[in-house]
C-alpha atoms as a PDB file:
ATOM      1  CA  MET A   1      10.963  26.964-115.101  1.00  0.00           C
ATOM      2  CA  ALA A   2       9.516  23.525-115.801  1.00  0.00           C
ATOM      3  CA  ALA A   3       7.617  21.859-112.981  1.00  0.00           C
ATOM      4  CA  VAL A   4       9.770  19.692-110.746  1.00  0.00           C
ATOM      5  CA  VAL A   5       6.993  17.123-110.457  1.00  0.00           C
ATOM      6  CA  THR A   6       3.296  17.070-111.367  1.00  0.00           C
ATOM      7  CA  ILE A   7       0.257  16.319-109.231  1.00  0.00           C
ATOM      8  CA  ARG A   8      -0.523  13.380-111.527  1.00  0.00           C
ATOM      9  CA  GLN A   9       2.864  11.836-110.691  1.00  0.00           C
ATOM     10  CA  LEU A  10       2.228  12.387-106.987  1.00  0.00           C
ATOM     11  CA  LEU A  11      -1.200  10.744-107.259  1.00  0.00           C
ATOM     12  CA  GLU A  12       0.095   7.763-109.238  1.00  0.00           C
ATOM     13  CA  SER A  13       2.823   7.201-106.638  1.00  0.00           C
ATOM     14  CA  GLY A  14       0.371   7.374-103.715  1.00  0.00           C
ATOM     15  CA  VAL A  15       2.041  10.370-102.068  1.00  0.00           C
ATOM     16  CA  HIS A  16      -1.370  11.574-100.830  1.00  0.00           C
ATOM     17  CA  PHE A  17      -2.066   8.600 -98.548  1.00  0.00           C
ATOM     18  CA  GLY A  18      -1.465   9.285 -94.859  1.00  0.00           C
ATOM     19  CA  HIS A  19      -1.761   7.120 -91.752  1.00  0.00           C
ATOM     20  CA  GLN A  20      -4.922   5.985 -90.001  1.00  0.00           C
ATOM     21  CA  THR A  21      -6.853   8.735 -88.278  1.00  0.00           C
ATOM     22  CA  ARG A  22      -6.026   7.331 -84.842  1.00  0.00           C
ATOM     23  CA  ARG A  23      -2.288   7.571 -85.606  1.00  0.00           C
ATOM     24  CA  TRP A  24      -1.691  11.217 -86.326  1.00  0.00           C
ATOM     25  CA  ASN A  25       0.056  14.308 -85.048  1.00  0.00           C
ATOM     26  CA  PRO A  26      -2.289  17.300 -84.596  1.00  0.00           C
ATOM     27  CA  LYS A  27       0.513  19.595 -85.819  1.00  0.00           C
ATOM     28  CA  MET A  28       0.063  18.029 -89.261  1.00  0.00           C
ATOM     29  CA  LYS A  29      -3.542  19.224 -89.476  1.00  0.00           C
ATOM     30  CA  ARG A  30      -2.689  22.079 -91.848  1.00  0.00           C
ATOM     31  CA  PHE A  31      -1.287  19.601 -94.385  1.00  0.00           C
ATOM     32  CA  ILE A  32      -4.327  17.277 -94.353  1.00  0.00           C
ATOM     33  CA  PHE A  33      -6.941  17.641 -97.093  1.00  0.00           C
ATOM     34  CA  THR A  34      -9.627  15.250 -95.838  1.00  0.00           C
ATOM     35  CA  GLU A  35     -10.290  11.869 -94.233  1.00  0.00           C
ATOM     36  CA  ARG A  36     -11.480   8.851 -96.206  1.00  0.00           C
ATOM     37  CA  ASN A  37     -12.168   5.304 -94.979  1.00  0.00           C
ATOM     38  CA  GLY A  38     -10.336   5.968 -91.758  1.00  0.00           C
ATOM     39  CA  ILE A  39      -7.208   7.271 -93.524  1.00  0.00           C
ATOM     40  CA  TYR A  40      -6.053  10.866 -93.805  1.00  0.00           C
ATOM     41  CA  ILE A  41      -5.536  12.278 -97.307  1.00  0.00           C
ATOM     42  CA  ILE A  42      -2.666  14.765 -97.664  1.00  0.00           C
ATOM     43  CA  ASP A  43      -3.213  18.007 -99.604  1.00  0.00           C
ATOM     44  CA  LEU A  44      -1.074  17.579-102.727  1.00  0.00           C
ATOM     45  CA  GLN A  45      -1.300  21.271-103.644  1.00  0.00           C
ATOM     46  CA  LYS A  46       0.617  22.065-100.481  1.00  0.00           C
ATOM     47  CA  SER A  47       2.962  19.147-101.087  1.00  0.00           C
ATOM     48  CA  LEU A  48       3.766  20.570-104.523  1.00  0.00           C
ATOM     49  CA  ALA A  49       4.609  23.987-103.069  1.00  0.00           C
ATOM     50  CA  TYR A  50       6.854  22.470-100.398  1.00  0.00           C
ATOM     51  CA  ILE A  51       8.572  20.255-102.983  1.00  0.00           C
ATOM     52  CA  ASP A  52       9.489  23.334-105.042  1.00  0.00           C
ATOM     53  CA  ARG A  53      10.830  25.059-101.928  1.00  0.00           C
ATOM     54  CA  ALA A  54      12.943  22.058-100.898  1.00  0.00           C
ATOM     55  CA  PHE A  55      14.166  21.592-104.482  1.00  0.00           C
ATOM     56  CA  GLU A  56      15.484  25.163-104.656  1.00  0.00           C
ATOM     57  CA  PHE A  57      17.164  24.863-101.252  1.00  0.00           C
ATOM     58  CA  VAL A  58      18.974  21.635-102.172  1.00  0.00           C
ATOM     59  CA  LYS A  59      19.986  23.016-105.563  1.00  0.00           C
ATOM     60  CA  GLU A  60      21.448  26.215-104.057  1.00  0.00           C
ATOM     61  CA  THR A  61      23.208  24.306-101.268  1.00  0.00           C
ATOM     62  CA  VAL A  62      24.974  21.993-103.722  1.00  0.00           C
ATOM     63  CA  ALA A  63      25.710  24.828-106.168  1.00  0.00           C
ATOM     64  CA  HIS A  64      27.659  26.599-103.414  1.00  0.00           C
ATOM     65  CA  GLY A  65      29.808  23.532-102.734  1.00  0.00           C
ATOM     66  CA  GLY A  66      27.659  21.717-100.161  1.00  0.00           C
ATOM     67  CA  THR A  67      26.881  18.016 -99.820  1.00  0.00           C
ATOM     68  CA  ILE A  68      23.591  16.276 -99.020  1.00  0.00           C
ATOM     69  CA  LEU A  69      23.506  13.147 -96.848  1.00  0.00           C
ATOM     70  CA  PHE A  70      20.722  10.734 -97.893  1.00  0.00           C
ATOM     71  CA  VAL A  71      19.289   8.794 -94.929  1.00  0.00           C
ATOM     72  CA  GLY A  72      16.672   6.037 -95.086  1.00  0.00           C
ATOM     73  CA  THR A  73      17.141   2.775 -93.197  1.00  0.00           C
ATOM     74  CA  LYS A  74      13.625   1.319 -93.517  1.00  0.00           C
ATOM     75  CA  LYS A  75      13.156  -1.449 -96.074  1.00  0.00           C
ATOM     76  CA  GLN A  76      10.933   0.635 -98.342  1.00  0.00           C
ATOM     77  CA  ALA A  77      13.635   3.315 -98.671  1.00  0.00           C
ATOM     78  CA  GLN A  78      16.912   1.357 -98.762  1.00  0.00           C
ATOM     79  CA  GLU A  79      17.021   0.695-102.500  1.00  0.00           C
ATOM     80  CA  ALA A  80      15.898   4.191-103.542  1.00  0.00           C
ATOM     81  CA  ILE A  81      18.386   5.871-101.180  1.00  0.00           C
ATOM     82  CA  ASP A  82      21.260   3.732-102.479  1.00  0.00           C
ATOM     83  CA  GLU A  83      20.380   4.174-106.161  1.00  0.00           C
ATOM     84  CA  GLN A  84      19.720   7.923-106.172  1.00  0.00           C
ATOM     85  CA  ALA A  85      22.635   8.861-103.903  1.00  0.00           C
ATOM     86  CA  ARG A  86      25.070   6.899-106.058  1.00  0.00           C
ATOM     87  CA  ARG A  87      23.605   8.509-109.194  1.00  0.00           C
ATOM     88  CA  VAL A  88      24.652  11.978-108.029  1.00  0.00           C
ATOM     89  CA  GLY A  89      27.724  10.959-106.031  1.00  0.00           C
ATOM     90  CA  MET A  90      26.400  11.891-102.586  1.00  0.00           C
ATOM     91  CA  PRO A  91      26.954  10.049 -99.261  1.00  0.00           C
ATOM     92  CA  PHE A  92      24.119   7.906 -97.920  1.00  0.00           C
ATOM     93  CA  VAL A  93      23.085   5.709 -94.995  1.00  0.00           C
ATOM     94  CA  ASN A  94      20.608   2.938 -95.789  1.00  0.00           C
ATOM     95  CA  GLN A  95      21.526   0.443 -93.086  1.00  0.00           C
ATOM     96  CA  ARG A  96      21.669   1.075 -89.331  1.00  0.00           C
ATOM     97  CA  TRP A  97      22.351   4.647 -88.226  1.00  0.00           C
ATOM     98  CA  LEU A  98      25.359   4.628 -85.902  1.00  0.00           C
ATOM     99  CA  GLY A  99      24.946   6.969 -82.946  1.00  0.00           C
ATOM    100  CA  GLY A 100      27.353   9.890 -83.225  1.00  0.00           C
ATOM    101  CA  MET A 101      27.713   9.642 -86.990  1.00  0.00           C
ATOM    102  CA  LEU A 102      27.386  13.437 -87.117  1.00  0.00           C
ATOM    103  CA  THR A 103      28.064  14.668 -83.584  1.00  0.00           C
ATOM    104  CA  ASN A 104      31.117  12.400 -83.186  1.00  0.00           C
ATOM    105  CA  PHE A 105      32.319  12.517 -86.774  1.00  0.00           C
ATOM    106  CA  SER A 106      36.017  12.562 -85.817  1.00  0.00           C
ATOM    107  CA  THR A 107      35.715   9.008 -84.487  1.00  0.00           C
ATOM    108  CA  VAL A 108      33.627   7.917 -87.465  1.00  0.00           C
ATOM    109  CA  HIS A 109      36.293   9.361 -89.767  1.00  0.00           C
ATOM    110  CA  LYS A 110      38.921   7.146 -88.093  1.00  0.00           C
ATOM    111  CA  ARG A 111      36.748   4.107 -88.779  1.00  0.00           C
ATOM    112  CA  LEU A 112      36.533   5.194 -92.426  1.00  0.00           C
ATOM    113  CA  GLN A 113      40.323   5.287 -92.583  1.00  0.00           C
ATOM    114  CA  ARG A 114      40.390   1.800 -91.075  1.00  0.00           C
ATOM    115  CA  LEU A 115      37.953   0.611 -93.752  1.00  0.00           C
ATOM    116  CA  LYS A 116      40.221   1.952 -96.503  1.00  0.00           C
ATOM    117  CA  GLU A 117      43.202   0.167 -94.954  1.00  0.00           C
ATOM    118  CA  LEU A 118      41.311  -3.129 -94.875  1.00  0.00           C
ATOM    119  CA  GLU A 119      40.266  -2.713 -98.506  1.00  0.00           C
ATOM    120  CA  GLU A 120      43.932  -2.748 -99.539  1.00  0.00           C
ATOM    121  CA  ILE A 121      44.488  -6.225 -98.070  1.00  0.00           C
ATOM    122  CA  ASP A 122      44.383  -9.164-100.482  1.00  0.00           C
ATOM    123  CA  PHE A 123      42.484 -11.751 -98.462  1.00  0.00           C
ATOM    124  CA  ASP A 124      43.015 -14.463-101.086  1.00  0.00           C
ATOM    125  CA  ASP A 125      46.823 -14.341-100.909  1.00  0.00           C
ATOM    126  CA  VAL A 126      47.609 -15.801 -97.483  1.00  0.00           C
ATOM    127  CA  ALA A 127      51.355 -16.153 -98.055  1.00  0.00           C
ATOM    128  CA  ALA A 128      51.922 -12.540 -99.158  1.00  0.00           C
ATOM    129  CA  SER A 129      49.841 -11.066 -96.319  1.00  0.00           C
ATOM    130  CA  GLY A 130      52.033 -12.589 -93.601  1.00  0.00           C
ATOM    131  CA  LEU A 131      48.935 -13.439 -91.570  1.00  0.00           C
ATOM    132  CA  THR A 132      47.282 -16.689 -90.642  1.00  0.00           C
ATOM    133  CA  LYS A 133      43.986 -17.770 -92.156  1.00  0.00           C
ATOM    134  CA  LYS A 134      42.244 -17.113 -88.855  1.00  0.00           C
ATOM    135  CA  GLU A 135      43.599 -13.551 -88.680  1.00  0.00           C
ATOM    136  CA  LEU A 136      42.587 -12.897 -92.285  1.00  0.00           C
ATOM    137  CA  LEU A 137      39.097 -14.227 -91.586  1.00  0.00           C
ATOM    138  CA  GLY A 138      38.743 -11.843 -88.635  1.00  0.00           C
ATOM    139  CA  LEU A 139      39.909  -8.894 -90.746  1.00  0.00           C
ATOM    140  CA  ARG A 140      37.521  -9.844 -93.545  1.00  0.00           C
ATOM    141  CA  ARG A 141      34.592  -9.890 -91.108  1.00  0.00           C
ATOM    142  CA  GLU A 142      35.658  -6.508 -89.734  1.00  0.00           C
ATOM    143  CA  LYS A 143      35.831  -5.104 -93.267  1.00  0.00           C
ATOM    144  CA  ASP A 144      32.396  -6.481 -94.192  1.00  0.00           C
ATOM    145  CA  LYS A 145      30.852  -4.975 -91.070  1.00  0.00           C
ATOM    146  CA  LEU A 146      32.411  -1.550 -91.660  1.00  0.00           C
ATOM    147  CA  GLU A 147      31.418  -1.627 -95.319  1.00  0.00           C
ATOM    148  CA  ARG A 148      27.828  -2.484 -94.455  1.00  0.00           C
ATOM    149  CA  THR A 149      27.443   0.359 -91.940  1.00  0.00           C
ATOM    150  CA  LEU A 150      29.842   2.994 -93.323  1.00  0.00           C
ATOM    151  CA  GLY A 151      30.165   2.062 -97.001  1.00  0.00           C
ATOM    152  CA  GLY A 152      27.769   4.789 -98.106  1.00  0.00           C
ATOM    153  CA  ILE A 153      29.781   7.562 -96.422  1.00  0.00           C
ATOM    154  CA  ARG A 154      33.215   6.175 -97.378  1.00  0.00           C
ATOM    155  CA  ASP A 155      34.188   9.378 -99.225  1.00  0.00           C
ATOM    156  CA  MET A 156      32.527  11.860 -96.847  1.00  0.00           C
ATOM    157  CA  ALA A 157      35.408  14.007 -95.555  1.00  0.00           C
ATOM    158  CA  ARG A 158      33.340  16.355 -93.399  1.00  0.00           C
ATOM    159  CA  VAL A 159      29.902  16.815 -91.870  1.00  0.00           C
ATOM    160  CA  PRO A 160      27.261  17.304 -94.616  1.00  0.00           C
ATOM    161  CA  SER A 161      25.652  20.654 -95.424  1.00  0.00           C
ATOM    162  CA  ALA A 162      22.121  19.182 -95.201  1.00  0.00           C
ATOM    163  CA  VAL A 163      20.416  15.814 -94.743  1.00  0.00           C
ATOM    164  CA  TRP A 164      17.545  14.159 -96.626  1.00  0.00           C
ATOM    165  CA  ILE A 165      15.469  11.973 -94.289  1.00  0.00           C
ATOM    166  CA  VAL A 166      12.853   9.335 -95.098  1.00  0.00           C
ATOM    167  CA  ASP A 167      10.573   8.711 -92.058  1.00  0.00           C
ATOM    168  CA  THR A 168      11.446  11.172 -89.298  1.00  0.00           C
ATOM    169  CA  LYS A 169       9.988   8.840 -86.658  1.00  0.00           C
ATOM    170  CA  LYS A 170      12.414   6.033 -87.465  1.00  0.00           C
ATOM    171  CA  GLU A 171      15.398   8.338 -88.053  1.00  0.00           C
ATOM    172  CA  HIS A 172      14.855  10.429 -84.909  1.00  0.00           C
ATOM    173  CA  ILE A 173      18.499   9.968 -83.825  1.00  0.00           C
ATOM    174  CA  ALA A 174      19.784  11.349 -87.132  1.00  0.00           C
ATOM    175  CA  ILE A 175      17.420  14.332 -86.862  1.00  0.00           C
ATOM    176  CA  SER A 176      18.483  14.960 -83.258  1.00  0.00           C
ATOM    177  CA  GLU A 177      22.168  15.008 -84.233  1.00  0.00           C
ATOM    178  CA  ALA A 178      21.517  17.269 -87.220  1.00  0.00           C
ATOM    179  CA  ARG A 179      19.599  19.765 -85.088  1.00  0.00           C
ATOM    180  CA  LYS A 180      22.399  19.852 -82.508  1.00  0.00           C
ATOM    181  CA  LEU A 181      24.846  20.813 -85.257  1.00  0.00           C
ATOM    182  CA  ASN A 182      22.366  23.221 -86.931  1.00  0.00           C
ATOM    183  CA  ILE A 183      22.357  21.143 -90.109  1.00  0.00           C
ATOM    184  CA  PRO A 184      19.207  21.808 -92.207  1.00  0.00           C
ATOM    185  CA  VAL A 185      16.859  18.824 -92.461  1.00  0.00           C
ATOM    186  CA  VAL A 186      14.816  18.041 -95.582  1.00  0.00           C
ATOM    187  CA  ALA A 187      12.352  15.218 -94.956  1.00  0.00           C
ATOM    188  CA  ILE A 188       9.110  13.501 -95.927  1.00  0.00           C
ATOM    189  CA  LEU A 189       6.380  14.273 -93.388  1.00  0.00           C
ATOM    190  CA  ASP A 190       3.646  11.695 -92.964  1.00  0.00           C
ATOM    191  CA  THR A 191       0.529  12.459 -90.912  1.00  0.00           C
ATOM    192  CA  ASN A 192       2.131  11.002 -87.762  1.00  0.00           C
ATOM    193  CA  CYS A 193       5.281  13.195 -87.885  1.00  0.00           C
ATOM    194  CA  ASP A 194       6.235  16.404 -86.085  1.00  0.00           C
ATOM    195  CA  PRO A 195       6.769  19.242 -88.604  1.00  0.00           C
ATOM    196  CA  ASP A 196       8.692  21.318 -86.031  1.00  0.00           C
ATOM    197  CA  GLU A 197      11.672  18.952 -86.313  1.00  0.00           C
ATOM    198  CA  VAL A 198      12.168  19.603 -90.025  1.00  0.00           C
ATOM    199  CA  ASP A 199      13.430  22.751 -91.749  1.00  0.00           C
ATOM    200  CA  TYR A 200      12.208  21.872 -95.252  1.00  0.00           C
ATOM    201  CA  PRO A 201       9.233  19.477 -94.939  1.00  0.00           C
ATOM    202  CA  ILE A 202       7.579  17.642 -97.825  1.00  0.00           C
ATOM    203  CA  PRO A 203       4.114  16.374 -96.773  1.00  0.00           C
ATOM    204  CA  GLY A 204       3.701  12.891 -98.196  1.00  0.00           C
ATOM    205  CA  ASN A 205       3.568   9.149 -97.746  1.00  0.00           C
ATOM    206  CA  ASP A 206       6.805   7.777 -96.260  1.00  0.00           C
ATOM    207  CA  ASP A 207       5.681   4.118 -96.252  1.00  0.00           C
ATOM    208  CA  ALA A 208       5.021   3.339 -99.934  1.00  0.00           C
ATOM    209  CA  ILE A 209       8.027   2.358-102.045  1.00  0.00           C
ATOM    210  CA  ARG A 210       6.805   4.324-105.086  1.00  0.00           C
ATOM    211  CA  SER A 211       6.225   7.464-103.037  1.00  0.00           C
ATOM    212  CA  VAL A 212       9.645   7.283-101.367  1.00  0.00           C
ATOM    213  CA  SER A 213      11.338   6.572-104.711  1.00  0.00           C
ATOM    214  CA  LEU A 214       9.665   9.529-106.437  1.00  0.00           C
ATOM    215  CA  LEU A 215      10.487  12.076-103.722  1.00  0.00           C
ATOM    216  CA  THR A 216      14.053  10.799-103.336  1.00  0.00           C
ATOM    217  CA  ARG A 217      14.508  11.097-107.099  1.00  0.00           C
ATOM    218  CA  VAL A 218      13.295  14.710-106.957  1.00  0.00           C
ATOM    219  CA  VAL A 219      15.906  15.523-104.307  1.00  0.00           C
ATOM    220  CA  ALA A 220      18.592  13.760-106.369  1.00  0.00           C
ATOM    221  CA  ASP A 221      17.553  15.810-109.422  1.00  0.00           C
ATOM    222  CA  ALA A 222      17.974  18.976-107.347  1.00  0.00           C
ATOM    223  CA  VAL A 223      21.482  17.812-106.413  1.00  0.00           C
ATOM    224  CA  ALA A 224      22.277  17.173-110.090  1.00  0.00           C
ATOM    225  CA  ASP A 225      21.072  20.674-111.050  1.00  0.00           C
ATOM    226  CA  GLY A 226      23.191  22.153-108.265  1.00  0.00           C
ATOM    227  CA  LEU A 227      26.271  20.286-109.496  1.00  0.00           C
ATOM    228  CA  MET A 228      25.676  21.584-113.021  1.00  0.00           C
ATOM    229  CA  ALA A 229      25.346  25.140-111.699  1.00  0.00           C
ATOM    230  CA  ARG A 230      28.524  24.704-109.650  1.00  0.00           C
ATOM    231  CA  SER A 231      30.443  23.462-112.698  1.00  0.00           C
ATOM    232  CA  GLY A 232      29.106  26.319-114.833  1.00  0.00           C
ATOM    233  CA  ALA A 233      30.141  28.930-112.263  1.00  0.00           C
ATOM    234  CA  SER A 234      33.685  27.612-112.032  1.00  0.00           C
ATOM    235  CA  GLY A 235      33.993  27.160-115.805  1.00  0.00           C
ATOM    236  CA  GLY A 236      35.037  30.777-116.429  1.00  0.00           C
ATOM    237  CA  GLN A 237      37.708  30.779-113.724  1.00  0.00           C
ATOM    238  CA  GLU A 238      41.185  29.334-113.951  1.00  0.00           C
ATOM    239  CA  LYS A 239      41.247  25.767-112.749  1.00  0.00           C
ATOM    240  CA  THR A 240      43.943  25.271-110.159  1.00  0.00           C
ATOM    241  CA  ALA A 241      44.883  21.931-108.616  1.00  0.00           C
ATOM    242  CA  GLU A 242      41.557  20.197-108.021  1.00  0.00           C
ATOM    243  CA  GLU A 243      40.386  16.703-107.317  1.00  0.00           C
ATOM    244  CA  PRO A 244      39.521  14.766-110.485  1.00  0.00           C
ATOM    245  CA  LEU A 245      35.819  14.776-111.290  1.00  0.00           C
ATOM    246  CA  PRO A 246      33.974  11.497-110.741  1.00  0.00           C
ATOM    247  CA  GLU A 247      32.649   9.692-113.796  1.00  0.00           C
ATOM    248  CA  TRP A 248      29.000  10.679-113.232  1.00  0.00           C
ATOM    249  CA  GLU A 249      29.922  14.392-113.040  1.00  0.00           C
ATOM    250  CA  ARG A 250      32.028  14.165-116.213  1.00  0.00           C
ATOM    251  CA  GLU A 251      29.008  12.690-118.016  1.00  0.00           C
ATOM    252  CA  LEU A 252      26.830  15.585-116.833  1.00  0.00           C
ATOM    253  CA  LEU A 253      29.404  18.115-118.051  1.00  0.00           C
ATOM    254  CA  THR A 254      29.820  16.343-121.400  1.00  0.00           C
ATOM    255  CA  GLY A 255      26.063  16.423-121.975  1.00  0.00           C
ATOM    256  CA  ALA A 256      25.954  20.150-121.162  1.00  0.00           C
ATOM    257  CA  ASP A 257      28.877  20.900-123.543  1.00  0.00           C
ATOM    258  CA  ASP A 258      27.265  18.973-126.420  1.00  0.00           C
ATOM    259  CA  LYS A 259      24.041  20.886-125.929  1.00  0.00           C
ATOM    260  CA  ALA A 260      25.925  24.221-125.920  1.00  0.00           C
ATOM    261  CA  GLU A 261      27.813  23.321-129.125  1.00  0.00           C
ATOM    262  CA  THR A 262      24.575  22.366-130.885  1.00  0.00           C
ATOM    263  CA  THR A 263      22.991  25.666-129.848  1.00  0.00           C
ATOM    264  CA  ALA A 264      26.030  27.664-131.005  1.00  0.00           C
ATOM    265  CA  ALA A 265      26.217  25.830-134.361  1.00  0.00           C
ATOM    266  CA  ALA A 266      22.661  26.825-135.350  1.00  0.00           C
ATOM    267  CA  PRO A 267      23.341  30.622-135.671  1.00  0.00           C
ATOM    268  CA  GLU A 268      26.625  29.909-137.516  1.00  0.00           C
ATOM    269  CA  ALA A 269      24.829  27.714-140.055  1.00  0.00           C
ATOM    270  CA  ALA A 270      22.200  30.425-140.486  1.00  0.00           C
ATOM    271  CA  ALA A 271      24.951  33.041-141.056  1.00  0.00           C
ATOM    272  CA  GLU A 272      26.723  30.853-143.628  1.00  0.00           C
ATOM    273  CA  ALA A 273      23.562  30.479-145.745  1.00  0.00           C
ATOM    274  CA  PRO A 274      23.331  34.220-146.723  1.00  0.00           C
ATOM    275  CA  GLU A 275      27.098  34.278-147.371  1.00  0.00           C
ATOM    276  CA  ALA A 276      26.814  31.284-149.707  1.00  0.00           C
ATOM    277  CA  ALA A 277      23.945  32.960-151.568  1.00  0.00           C
ATOM    278  CA  ALA A 278      25.882  36.252-151.804  1.00  0.00           C
ATOM    279  CA  ALA A 279      28.995  34.603-153.332  1.00  0.00           C
ATOM    280  CA  PRO A 280      27.404  33.740-156.739  1.00  0.00           C
ATOM    281  CA  ALA A 281      25.837  37.196-156.878  1.00  0.00           C
ATOM    282  CA  ALA A 282      29.246  38.813-156.293  1.00  0.00           C
ATOM    283  CA  GLU A 283      30.775  36.724-159.087  1.00  0.00           C
ATOM    284  CA  ALA A 284      27.969  37.584-161.494  1.00  0.00           C
ATOM    285  CA  ALA A 285      28.166  41.324-160.739  1.00  0.00           C
ATOM    286  CA  PRO A 286      31.469  42.042-162.577  1.00  0.00           C
ATOM    287  CA  GLU A 287      30.194  40.218-165.686  1.00  0.00           C
ATOM    288  CA  ALA A 288      27.388  42.736-166.216  1.00  0.00           C
ATOM    289  CA  PRO A 289      29.650  45.737-167.100  1.00  0.00           C
ATOM    290  CA  GLU A 290      31.586  43.523-169.529  1.00  0.00           C
ATOM    291  CA  ALA A 291      28.353  42.560-171.248  1.00  0.00           C
ATOM    292  CA  GLU A 292      27.372  46.231-171.458  1.00  0.00           C
ATOM    293  CA  ALA A 293      30.818  47.172-172.778  1.00  0.00           C
ATOM    294  CA  ALA A 294      30.603  44.601-175.598  1.00  0.00           C
ATOM    295  CA  PRO A 295      28.216  46.616-177.840  1.00  0.00           C
ATOM    296  CA  GLU A 296      30.479  49.697-177.524  1.00  0.00           C
ATOM    297  CA  ALA A 297      33.364  47.903-179.291  1.00  0.00           C
ATOM    298  CA  PRO A 298      31.826  48.028-182.818  1.00  0.00           C
ATOM    299  CA  GLU A 299      31.064  51.743-182.350  1.00  0.00           C
ATOM    300  CA  ALA A 300      34.688  52.365-181.415  1.00  0.00           C
ATOM    301  CA  GLU A 301      35.861  50.508-184.561  1.00  0.00           C
ATOM    302  CA  ALA A 302      33.343  52.310-186.738  1.00  0.00           C
ATOM    303  CA  ALA A 303      34.477  55.746-185.559  1.00  0.00           C
ATOM    304  CA  PRO A 304      37.843  55.771-187.414  1.00  0.00           C
ATOM    305  CA  ALA A 305      36.159  54.333-190.557  1.00  0.00           C
ATOM    306  CA  ALA A 306      33.909  57.374-191.036  1.00  0.00           C
ATOM    307  CA  PRO A 307      36.748  59.953-191.471  1.00  0.00           C
ATOM    308  CA  ALA A 308      38.487  57.580-193.917  1.00  0.00           C
ATOM    309  CA  GLU A 309      35.412  57.485-196.150  1.00  0.00           C
ATOM    310  CA  GLU A 310      35.109  61.294-195.996  1.00  0.00           C
ATOM    311  CA  ALA A 311      38.755  61.617-197.023  1.00  0.00           C
ATOM    312  CA  LYS A 312      38.160  59.370-200.053  1.00  0.00           C
ATOM    313  CA  ALA A 313      35.108  61.411-201.023  1.00  0.00           C
ATOM    314  CA  GLU A 314      37.170  64.619-200.942  1.00  0.00           C
ATOM    315  CA  GLU A 315      40.000  63.094-202.976  1.00  0.00           C
ATOM    316  CA  ALA A 316      37.660  61.788-205.717  1.00  0.00           C
ATOM    317  CA  PRO A 317      36.467  65.214-206.881  1.00  0.00           C
ATOM    318  CA  ALA A 318      40.002  66.570-206.731  1.00  0.00           C
ATOM    319  CA  ASP A 319      41.217  63.971-209.174  1.00  0.00           C
ATOM    320  CA  GLY A 320      38.295  64.677-211.488  1.00  0.00           C
ATOM    321  CA  GLU A 321      38.781  68.458-211.445  1.00  0.00           C
ATOM    322  CA  ALA A 322      42.429  68.326-212.427  1.00  0.00           C
ATOM    323  CA  PRO A 323      41.882  67.052-216.026  1.00  0.00           C
ATOM    324  CA  THR A 324      39.134  69.662-216.579  1.00  0.00           C
ATOM    325  CA  ALA A 325      41.461  72.503-215.795  1.00  0.00           C
ATOM    326  CA  GLU A 326      44.148  71.135-218.089  1.00  0.00           C
ATOM    327  CA  ALA A 327      41.583  70.695-220.888  1.00  0.00           C
ATOM    328  CA  GLN A 328      40.571  74.362-220.649  1.00  0.00           C
ATOM    329  CA  GLU A 329      44.170  75.524-220.901  1.00  0.00           C
ATOM    330  CA  ALA A 330      44.656  73.344-223.955  1.00  0.00           C
END
């Protein structure tokens, strides 16, 4: 299997930089390589091993029908969380985490239904709505607020199978709720974090934009691989009434089908080449006996000619002998 990510990529993204030595958690000691200029340096060899472990877990979870909730509300993580979660069609939270988003999901689900109702209102058509401008303005503000806080989980119908966390210190409420519900947590662990709170830790820098973007992309790639595996597993079974696939998943499937067709076409082309070469040989084969039979034709014609000449030779003396006999009698 190809490497999920290389140490060079981790170095270039600054994943190895930790916090200052005075801001650390002693439980993170086993992940620290050394200290330089008052900053801890994280051991990237260990980071690489933990990345592979987390990658396989996320891939298997999604392949078996699970969903991953991407969480990162700090400024450095907001853009990466939004971009990568949308790329693979997973729910995300990149604004404020609402308390009870997991432990009180039934109430959150009602707010999601309310958001969908508000989205159906045409705020520009005052006459058709039957509401005053003031009422429409209040509903628009309510919609904007719900969309800002719950827009990323609009299509999340149930509690996620696992959560991806950027900065466990800042997202401690999300981690607390996930642990109460026994939801596995995959997270970046900086040198000031507690590794006991996370099920699948990835030692790394959770403050640099490039580091957060790289590790979030790795998790999103694991989700994409899991979706491909899920689609491949269900491909051989009869498809009953299912929800239509989103556009991003259709593109993934189309790319996989094109690759499979290209692979299958190669052996067929190779098989056609010997057949094409054999066809002229098969046509030329019957001509050989005809060519050999051609010299036999003159021999067959010459055969009847030989007895005819012998017959003439026998008749010639007979004609000559007859007058001799008559002359003797005379």
